[in-house]
Amino acid sequence: MRDLTPVVDRLGPETKEAMVTTAEQLRTEGRAEGQAEMLLDQLSLKFGPLPEQVVQFIRTADPARLRTMSHRVLTATVVDEVLAQ
């Protein structure tokens, strides 16, 4: 981003804010995707192959839900215990 600083500065504060906001959103989405993939790995190791609907459910879960499920995987005896609302 350093190389683009003079260009961004010329575009004005609104553009700079939009770029920062977009970058933050992309980082958040990247963290959620990583968390979902880690949870899928843990579930697969613990319970074996997962149904596609479970995979899709986890990949579309919000970060708070992923965090809850990642805690539950430690003590769950079946996948449904991890996914429970």
PDB file of N, CA and C in Angstrom:
ATOM      1  N   MET A   1       0.830  -1.193   0.000  1.00  0.00           N
ATOM      2  CA  MET A   1       0.000   0.000   0.000  1.00  0.00           C
ATOM      3  C   MET A   1       0.868   1.247   0.000  1.00  0.00           C
ATOM      4  N   ARG A   2       2.099   1.172   0.471  1.00  0.00           N
ATOM      5  CA  ARG A   2       2.958   2.356   0.498  1.00  0.00           C
ATOM      6  C   ARG A   2       3.143   2.952  -0.875  1.00  0.00           C
ATOM      7  N   ASP A   3       3.331   2.129  -1.889  1.00  0.00           N
ATOM      8  CA  ASP A   3       3.548   2.641  -3.233  1.00  0.00           C
ATOM      9  C   ASP A   3       2.324   3.364  -3.775  1.00  0.00           C
ATOM     10  N   LEU A   4       1.158   3.030  -3.261  1.00  0.00           N
ATOM     11  CA  LEU A   4      -0.081   3.653  -3.736  1.00  0.00           C
ATOM     12  C   LEU A   4      -0.486   4.869  -2.913  1.00  0.00           C
ATOM     13  N   THR A   5       0.213   5.152  -1.843  1.00  0.00           N
ATOM     14  CA  THR A   5      -0.173   6.239  -0.948  1.00  0.00           C
ATOM     15  C   THR A   5      -0.329   7.565  -1.673  1.00  0.00           C
ATOM     16  N   PRO A   6       0.620   7.999  -2.504  1.00  0.00           N
ATOM     17  CA  PRO A   6       0.430   9.287  -3.196  1.00  0.00           C
ATOM     18  C   PRO A   6      -0.806   9.296  -4.089  1.00  0.00           C
ATOM     19  N   VAL A   7      -1.081   8.187  -4.742  1.00  0.00           N
ATOM     20  CA  VAL A   7      -2.259   8.094  -5.617  1.00  0.00           C
ATOM     21  C   VAL A   7      -3.530   8.184  -4.784  1.00  0.00           C
ATOM     22  N   VAL A   8      -3.577   7.419  -3.693  1.00  0.00           N
ATOM     23  CA  VAL A   8      -4.757   7.419  -2.824  1.00  0.00           C
ATOM     24  C   VAL A   8      -4.966   8.802  -2.233  1.00  0.00           C
ATOM     25  N   ASP A   9      -3.890   9.454  -1.831  1.00  0.00           N
ATOM     26  CA  ASP A   9      -4.007  10.802  -1.268  1.00  0.00           C
ATOM     27  C   ASP A   9      -4.618  11.771  -2.268  1.00  0.00           C
ATOM     28  N   ARG A  10      -4.283  11.619  -3.546  1.00  0.00           N
ATOM     29  CA  ARG A  10      -4.847  12.511  -4.573  1.00  0.00           C
ATOM     30  C   ARG A  10      -6.323  12.221  -4.818  1.00  0.00           C
ATOM     31  N   LEU A  11      -6.756  10.997  -4.549  1.00  0.00           N
ATOM     32  CA  LEU A  11      -8.155  10.643  -4.786  1.00  0.00           C
ATOM     33  C   LEU A  11      -9.080  11.186  -3.704  1.00  0.00           C
ATOM     34  N   GLY A  12      -8.538  11.537  -2.570  1.00  0.00           N
ATOM     35  CA  GLY A  12      -9.329  12.156  -1.518  1.00  0.00           C
ATOM     36  C   GLY A  12      -9.655  11.227  -0.373  1.00  0.00           C
ATOM     37  N   PRO A  13     -10.136  11.839   0.729  1.00  0.00           N
ATOM     38  CA  PRO A  13     -10.398  11.075   1.955  1.00  0.00           C
ATOM     39  C   PRO A  13     -11.516  10.040   1.821  1.00  0.00           C
ATOM     40  N   GLU A  14     -12.532  10.325   1.016  1.00  0.00           N
ATOM     41  CA  GLU A  14     -13.630   9.364   0.872  1.00  0.00           C
ATOM     42  C   GLU A  14     -13.145   8.084   0.196  1.00  0.00           C
ATOM     43  N   THR A  15     -12.312   8.229  -0.816  1.00  0.00           N
ATOM     44  CA  THR A  15     -11.773   7.063  -1.499  1.00  0.00           C
ATOM     45  C   THR A  15     -10.850   6.283  -0.579  1.00  0.00           C
ATOM     46  N   LYS A  16     -10.028   7.012   0.165  1.00  0.00           N
ATOM     47  CA  LYS A  16      -9.125   6.351   1.103  1.00  0.00           C
ATOM     48  C   LYS A  16      -9.915   5.571   2.150  1.00  0.00           C
ATOM     49  N   GLU A  17     -10.983   6.163   2.670  1.00  0.00           N
ATOM     50  CA  GLU A  17     -11.827   5.482   3.654  1.00  0.00           C
ATOM     51  C   GLU A  17     -12.477   4.243   3.050  1.00  0.00           C
ATOM     52  N   ALA A  18     -12.946   4.354   1.819  1.00  0.00           N
ATOM     53  CA  ALA A  18     -13.567   3.212   1.149  1.00  0.00           C
ATOM     54  C   ALA A  18     -12.556   2.084   0.959  1.00  0.00           C
ATOM     55  N   MET A  19     -11.334   2.430   0.611  1.00  0.00           N
ATOM     56  CA  MET A  19     -10.295   1.411   0.432  1.00  0.00           C
ATOM     57  C   MET A  19      -9.964   0.718   1.747  1.00  0.00           C
ATOM     58  N   VAL A  20      -9.858   1.493   2.813  1.00  0.00           N
ATOM     59  CA  VAL A  20      -9.561   0.915   4.124  1.00  0.00           C
ATOM     60  C   VAL A  20     -10.708   0.021   4.572  1.00  0.00           C
ATOM     61  N   THR A  21     -11.934   0.475   4.385  1.00  0.00           N
ATOM     62  CA  THR A  21     -13.112  -0.306   4.760  1.00  0.00           C
ATOM     63  C   THR A  21     -13.152  -1.625   3.978  1.00  0.00           C
ATOM     64  N   THR A  22     -12.878  -1.554   2.698  1.00  0.00           N
ATOM     65  CA  THR A  22     -12.865  -2.752   1.859  1.00  0.00           C
ATOM     66  C   THR A  22     -11.780  -3.717   2.312  1.00  0.00           C
ATOM     67  N   ALA A  23     -10.611  -3.198   2.617  1.00  0.00           N
ATOM     68  CA  ALA A  23      -9.507  -4.044   3.082  1.00  0.00           C
ATOM     69  C   ALA A  23      -9.867  -4.733   4.397  1.00  0.00           C
ATOM     70  N   GLU A  24     -10.495  -3.999   5.306  1.00  0.00           N
ATOM     71  CA  GLU A  24     -10.910  -4.589   6.583  1.00  0.00           C
ATOM     72  C   GLU A  24     -11.934  -5.692   6.360  1.00  0.00           C
ATOM     73  N   GLN A  25     -12.873  -5.449   5.457  1.00  0.00           N
ATOM     74  CA  GLN A  25     -13.904  -6.447   5.165  1.00  0.00           C
ATOM     75  C   GLN A  25     -13.276  -7.710   4.572  1.00  0.00           C
ATOM     76  N   LEU A  26     -12.317  -7.541   3.679  1.00  0.00           N
ATOM     77  CA  LEU A  26     -11.655  -8.695   3.076  1.00  0.00           C
ATOM     78  C   LEU A  26     -10.869  -9.489   4.124  1.00  0.00           C
ATOM     79  N   ARG A  27     -10.220  -8.806   5.050  1.00  0.00           N
ATOM     80  CA  ARG A  27      -9.501  -9.505   6.120  1.00  0.00           C
ATOM     81  C   ARG A  27     -10.468 -10.296   6.991  1.00  0.00           C
ATOM     82  N   THR A  28     -11.599  -9.689   7.337  1.00  0.00           N
ATOM     83  CA  THR A  28     -12.605 -10.362   8.159  1.00  0.00           C
ATOM     84  C   THR A  28     -13.141 -11.598   7.447  1.00  0.00           C
ATOM     85  N   GLU A  29     -13.447 -11.458   6.167  1.00  0.00           N
ATOM     86  CA  GLU A  29     -13.951 -12.594   5.396  1.00  0.00           C
ATOM     87  C   GLU A  29     -12.894 -13.692   5.302  1.00  0.00           C
ATOM     88  N   GLY A  30     -11.647 -13.305   5.133  1.00  0.00           N
ATOM     89  CA  GLY A  30     -10.564 -14.279   5.061  1.00  0.00           C
ATOM     90  C   GLY A  30     -10.402 -15.048   6.364  1.00  0.00           C
ATOM     91  N   ARG A  31     -10.525 -14.338   7.482  1.00  0.00           N
ATOM     92  CA  ARG A  31     -10.435 -15.012   8.782  1.00  0.00           C
ATOM     93  C   ARG A  31     -11.585 -15.994   8.952  1.00  0.00           C
ATOM     94  N   ALA A  32     -12.793 -15.593   8.572  1.00  0.00           N
ATOM     95  CA  ALA A  32     -13.958 -16.476   8.696  1.00  0.00           C
ATOM     96  C   ALA A  32     -13.790 -17.714   7.818  1.00  0.00           C
ATOM     97  N   GLU A  33     -13.285 -17.529   6.600  1.00  0.00           N
ATOM     98  CA  GLU A  33     -13.065 -18.684   5.720  1.00  0.00           C
ATOM     99  C   GLU A  33     -12.040 -19.636   6.326  1.00  0.00           C
ATOM    100  N   GLY A  34     -10.981 -19.085   6.883  1.00  0.00           N
ATOM    101  CA  GLY A  34      -9.964 -19.909   7.522  1.00  0.00           C
ATOM    102  C   GLY A  34     -10.510 -20.660   8.721  1.00  0.00           C
ATOM    103  N   GLN A  35     -11.325 -19.969   9.504  1.00  0.00           N
ATOM    104  CA  GLN A  35     -11.934 -20.599  10.680  1.00  0.00           C
ATOM    105  C   GLN A  35     -12.881 -21.721  10.248  1.00  0.00           C
ATOM    106  N   ALA A  36     -13.648 -21.489   9.191  1.00  0.00           N
ATOM    107  CA  ALA A  36     -14.569 -22.517   8.687  1.00  0.00           C
ATOM    108  C   ALA A  36     -13.794 -23.744   8.200  1.00  0.00           C
ATOM    109  N   GLU A  37     -12.717 -23.528   7.475  1.00  0.00           N
ATOM    110  CA  GLU A  37     -11.927 -24.651   6.967  1.00  0.00           C
ATOM    111  C   GLU A  37     -11.282 -25.432   8.110  1.00  0.00           C
ATOM    112  N   MET A  38     -10.821 -24.737   9.135  1.00  0.00           N
ATOM    113  CA  MET A  38     -10.232 -25.418  10.286  1.00  0.00           C
ATOM    114  C   MET A  38     -11.293 -26.276  10.987  1.00  0.00           C
ATOM    115  N   LEU A  39     -12.487 -25.715  11.169  1.00  0.00           N
ATOM    116  CA  LEU A  39     -13.567 -26.464  11.798  1.00  0.00           C
ATOM    117  C   LEU A  39     -13.936 -27.688  10.964  1.00  0.00           C
ATOM    118  N   LEU A  40     -13.987 -27.533   9.647  1.00  0.00           N
ATOM    119  CA  LEU A  40     -14.289 -28.670   8.777  1.00  0.00           C
ATOM    120  C   LEU A  40     -13.217 -29.756   8.902  1.00  0.00           C
ATOM    121  N   ASP A  41     -11.968 -29.343   8.990  1.00  0.00           N
ATOM    122  CA  ASP A  41     -10.886 -30.324   9.193  1.00  0.00           C
ATOM    123  C   ASP A  41     -11.062 -31.064  10.510  1.00  0.00           C
ATOM    124  N   GLN A  42     -11.352 -30.329  11.564  1.00  0.00           N
ATOM    125  CA  GLN A  42     -11.524 -30.945  12.878  1.00  0.00           C
ATOM    126  C   GLN A  42     -12.703 -31.913  12.882  1.00  0.00           C
ATOM    127  N   LEU A  43     -13.819 -31.484  12.306  1.00  0.00           N
ATOM    128  CA  LEU A  43     -15.000 -32.345  12.249  1.00  0.00           C
ATOM    129  C   LEU A  43     -14.722 -33.609  11.444  1.00  0.00           C
ATOM    130  N   SER A  44     -14.048 -33.460  10.315  1.00  0.00           N
ATOM    131  CA  SER A  44     -13.728 -34.623   9.469  1.00  0.00           C
ATOM    132  C   SER A  44     -12.812 -35.595  10.190  1.00  0.00           C
ATOM    133  N   LEU A  45     -11.844 -35.080  10.898  1.00  0.00           N
ATOM    134  CA  LEU A  45     -10.941 -35.955  11.647  1.00  0.00           C
ATOM    135  C   LEU A  45     -11.666 -36.681  12.770  1.00  0.00           C
ATOM    136  N   LYS A  46     -12.587 -35.983  13.411  1.00  0.00           N
ATOM    137  CA  LYS A  46     -13.283 -36.569  14.556  1.00  0.00           C
ATOM    138  C   LYS A  46     -14.421 -37.499  14.142  1.00  0.00           C
ATOM    139  N   PHE A  47     -15.170 -37.113  13.109  1.00  0.00           N
ATOM    140  CA  PHE A  47     -16.394 -37.847  12.761  1.00  0.00           C
ATOM    141  C   PHE A  47     -16.363 -38.513  11.383  1.00  0.00           C
ATOM    142  N   GLY A  48     -15.311 -38.322  10.631  1.00  0.00           N
ATOM    143  CA  GLY A  48     -15.243 -38.897   9.295  1.00  0.00           C
ATOM    144  C   GLY A  48     -15.820 -37.953   8.254  1.00  0.00           C
ATOM    145  N   PRO A  49     -16.028 -38.465   7.037  1.00  0.00           N
ATOM    146  CA  PRO A  49     -16.545 -37.620   5.954  1.00  0.00           C
ATOM    147  C   PRO A  49     -17.862 -36.942   6.334  1.00  0.00           C
ATOM    148  N   LEU A  50     -17.968 -35.673   5.946  1.00  0.00           N
ATOM    149  CA  LEU A  50     -19.147 -34.877   6.299  1.00  0.00           C
ATOM    150  C   LEU A  50     -20.094 -34.756   5.111  1.00  0.00           C
ATOM    151  N   PRO A  51     -21.397 -34.762   5.387  1.00  0.00           N
ATOM    152  CA  PRO A  51     -22.367 -34.524   4.312  1.00  0.00           C
ATOM    153  C   PRO A  51     -22.163 -33.123   3.717  1.00  0.00           C
ATOM    154  N   GLU A  52     -22.418 -32.983   2.446  1.00  0.00           N
ATOM    155  CA  GLU A  52     -22.238 -31.700   1.760  1.00  0.00           C
ATOM    156  C   GLU A  52     -23.051 -30.585   2.420  1.00  0.00           C
ATOM    157  N   GLN A  53     -24.247 -30.897   2.934  1.00  0.00           N
ATOM    158  CA  GLN A  53     -25.057 -29.857   3.569  1.00  0.00           C
ATOM    159  C   GLN A  53     -24.380 -29.328   4.835  1.00  0.00           C
ATOM    160  N   VAL A  54     -23.659 -30.169   5.548  1.00  0.00           N
ATOM    161  CA  VAL A  54     -22.909 -29.717   6.727  1.00  0.00           C
ATOM    162  C   VAL A  54     -21.762 -28.820   6.288  1.00  0.00           C
ATOM    163  N   VAL A  55     -21.055 -29.218   5.245  1.00  0.00           N
ATOM    164  CA  VAL A  55     -19.944 -28.417   4.726  1.00  0.00           C
ATOM    165  C   VAL A  55     -20.439 -27.023   4.321  1.00  0.00           C
ATOM    166  N   GLN A  56     -21.537 -26.979   3.590  1.00  0.00           N
ATOM    167  CA  GLN A  56     -22.077 -25.695   3.139  1.00  0.00           C
ATOM    168  C   GLN A  56     -22.582 -24.855   4.311  1.00  0.00           C
ATOM    169  N   PHE A  57     -23.195 -25.490   5.284  1.00  0.00           N
ATOM    170  CA  PHE A  57     -23.674 -24.780   6.470  1.00  0.00           C
ATOM    171  C   PHE A  57     -22.513 -24.082   7.180  1.00  0.00           C
ATOM    172  N   ILE A  58     -21.424 -24.797   7.346  1.00  0.00           N
ATOM    173  CA  ILE A  58     -20.269 -24.238   8.044  1.00  0.00           C
ATOM    174  C   ILE A  58     -19.611 -23.149   7.208  1.00  0.00           C
ATOM    175  N   ARG A  59     -19.502 -23.353   5.928  1.00  0.00           N
ATOM    176  CA  ARG A  59     -18.861 -22.351   5.065  1.00  0.00           C
ATOM    177  C   ARG A  59     -19.659 -21.056   4.960  1.00  0.00           C
ATOM    178  N   THR A  60     -20.933 -21.101   5.262  1.00  0.00           N
ATOM    179  CA  THR A  60     -21.750 -19.882   5.183  1.00  0.00           C
ATOM    180  C   THR A  60     -22.082 -19.300   6.565  1.00  0.00           C
ATOM    181  N   ALA A  61     -21.560 -19.926   7.612  1.00  0.00           N
ATOM    182  CA  ALA A  61     -21.842 -19.445   8.979  1.00  0.00           C
ATOM    183  C   ALA A  61     -21.100 -18.140   9.252  1.00  0.00           C
ATOM    184  N   ASP A  62     -21.694 -17.303  10.079  1.00  0.00           N
ATOM    185  CA  ASP A  62     -21.040 -16.048  10.456  1.00  0.00           C
ATOM    186  C   ASP A  62     -19.943 -16.320  11.492  1.00  0.00           C
ATOM    187  N   PRO A  63     -19.022 -15.380  11.673  1.00  0.00           N
ATOM    188  CA  PRO A  63     -17.884 -15.599  12.578  1.00  0.00           C
ATOM    189  C   PRO A  63     -18.266 -15.983  14.006  1.00  0.00           C
ATOM    190  N   ALA A  64     -19.312 -15.402  14.554  1.00  0.00           N
ATOM    191  CA  ALA A  64     -19.723 -15.734  15.926  1.00  0.00           C
ATOM    192  C   ALA A  64     -20.185 -17.185  16.007  1.00  0.00           C
ATOM    193  N   ARG A  65     -20.932 -17.618  15.023  1.00  0.00           N
ATOM    194  CA  ARG A  65     -21.418 -19.003  14.987  1.00  0.00           C
ATOM    195  C   ARG A  65     -20.252 -19.973  14.817  1.00  0.00           C
ATOM    196  N   LEU A  66     -19.302 -19.617  13.967  1.00  0.00           N
ATOM    197  CA  LEU A  66     -18.123 -20.459  13.783  1.00  0.00           C
ATOM    198  C   LEU A  66     -17.350 -20.611  15.090  1.00  0.00           C
ATOM    199  N   ARG A  67     -17.258 -19.534  15.832  1.00  0.00           N
ATOM    200  CA  ARG A  67     -16.551 -19.587  17.117  1.00  0.00           C
ATOM    201  C   ARG A  67     -17.266 -20.534  18.088  1.00  0.00           C
ATOM    202  N   THR A  68     -18.578 -20.425  18.152  1.00  0.00           N
ATOM    203  CA  THR A  68     -19.357 -21.312  19.020  1.00  0.00           C
ATOM    204  C   THR A  68     -19.167 -22.768  18.618  1.00  0.00           C
ATOM    205  N   MET A  69     -19.260 -23.041  17.333  1.00  0.00           N
ATOM    206  CA  MET A  69     -19.108 -24.417  16.863  1.00  0.00           C
ATOM    207  C   MET A  69     -17.689 -24.936  17.106  1.00  0.00           C
ATOM    208  N   SER A  70     -16.697 -24.064  16.977  1.00  0.00           N
ATOM    209  CA  SER A  70     -15.320 -24.514  17.197  1.00  0.00           C
ATOM    210  C   SER A  70     -15.076 -24.881  18.653  1.00  0.00           C
ATOM    211  N   HIS A  71     -15.833 -24.295  19.562  1.00  0.00           N
ATOM    212  CA  HIS A  71     -15.750 -24.686  20.974  1.00  0.00           C
ATOM    213  C   HIS A  71     -16.449 -26.029  21.193  1.00  0.00           C
ATOM    214  N   ARG A  72     -17.587 -26.188  20.561  1.00  0.00           N
ATOM    215  CA  ARG A  72     -18.380 -27.406  20.750  1.00  0.00           C
ATOM    216  C   ARG A  72     -17.709 -28.656  20.207  1.00  0.00           C
ATOM    217  N   VAL A  73     -16.900 -28.500  19.166  1.00  0.00           N
ATOM    218  CA  VAL A  73     -16.274 -29.678  18.555  1.00  0.00           C
ATOM    219  C   VAL A  73     -15.378 -30.405  19.557  1.00  0.00           C
ATOM    220  N   LEU A  74     -14.912 -29.711  20.558  1.00  0.00           N
ATOM    221  CA  LEU A  74     -14.019 -30.322  21.545  1.00  0.00           C
ATOM    222  C   LEU A  74     -14.717 -31.371  22.406  1.00  0.00           C
ATOM    223  N   THR A  75     -16.003 -31.167  22.670  1.00  0.00           N
ATOM    224  CA  THR A  75     -16.712 -32.070  23.570  1.00  0.00           C
ATOM    225  C   THR A  75     -17.842 -32.852  22.899  1.00  0.00           C
ATOM    226  N   ALA A  76     -18.139 -32.544  21.659  1.00  0.00           N
ATOM    227  CA  ALA A  76     -19.254 -33.193  20.969  1.00  0.00           C
ATOM    228  C   ALA A  76     -18.978 -34.676  20.735  1.00  0.00           C
ATOM    229  N   THR A  77     -20.049 -35.453  20.806  1.00  0.00           N
ATOM    230  CA  THR A  77     -19.938 -36.880  20.498  1.00  0.00           C
ATOM    231  C   THR A  77     -20.524 -37.211  19.131  1.00  0.00           C
ATOM    232  N   VAL A  78     -21.304 -36.270  18.573  1.00  0.00           N
ATOM    233  CA  VAL A  78     -21.852 -36.393  17.219  1.00  0.00           C
ATOM    234  C   VAL A  78     -21.838 -34.998  16.578  1.00  0.00           C
ATOM    235  N   VAL A  79     -21.815 -34.964  15.253  1.00  0.00           N
ATOM    236  CA  VAL A  79     -21.768 -33.692  14.524  1.00  0.00           C
ATOM    237  C   VAL A  79     -22.929 -32.781  14.894  1.00  0.00           C
ATOM    238  N   ASP A  80     -24.106 -33.343  15.086  1.00  0.00           N
ATOM    239  CA  ASP A  80     -25.283 -32.530  15.396  1.00  0.00           C
ATOM    240  C   ASP A  80     -25.097 -31.705  16.667  1.00  0.00           C
ATOM    241  N   GLU A  81     -24.300 -32.179  17.612  1.00  0.00           N
ATOM    242  CA  GLU A  81     -24.039 -31.399  18.823  1.00  0.00           C
ATOM    243  C   GLU A  81     -23.236 -30.139  18.513  1.00  0.00           C
ATOM    244  N   VAL A  82     -22.399 -30.203  17.504  1.00  0.00           N
ATOM    245  CA  VAL A  82     -21.613 -29.043  17.094  1.00  0.00           C
ATOM    246  C   VAL A  82     -22.518 -28.030  16.392  1.00  0.00           C
ATOM    247  N   LEU A  83     -23.430 -28.511  15.566  1.00  0.00           N
ATOM    248  CA  LEU A  83     -24.270 -27.657  14.748  1.00  0.00           C
ATOM    249  C   LEU A  83     -25.488 -27.099  15.470  1.00  0.00           C
ATOM    250  N   ALA A  84     -25.824 -27.649  16.616  1.00  0.00           N
ATOM    251  CA  ALA A  84     -27.050 -27.249  17.330  1.00  0.00           C
ATOM    252  C   ALA A  84     -27.088 -25.757  17.588  1.00  0.00           C
ATOM    253  N   GLN A  85     -28.284 -25.211  17.486  1.00  0.00           N
ATOM    254  CA  GLN A  85     -28.472 -23.786  17.759  1.00  0.00           C
ATOM    255  C   GLN A  85     -28.443 -23.612  19.227  1.00  0.00           C
TER     256      GLN A  85
END
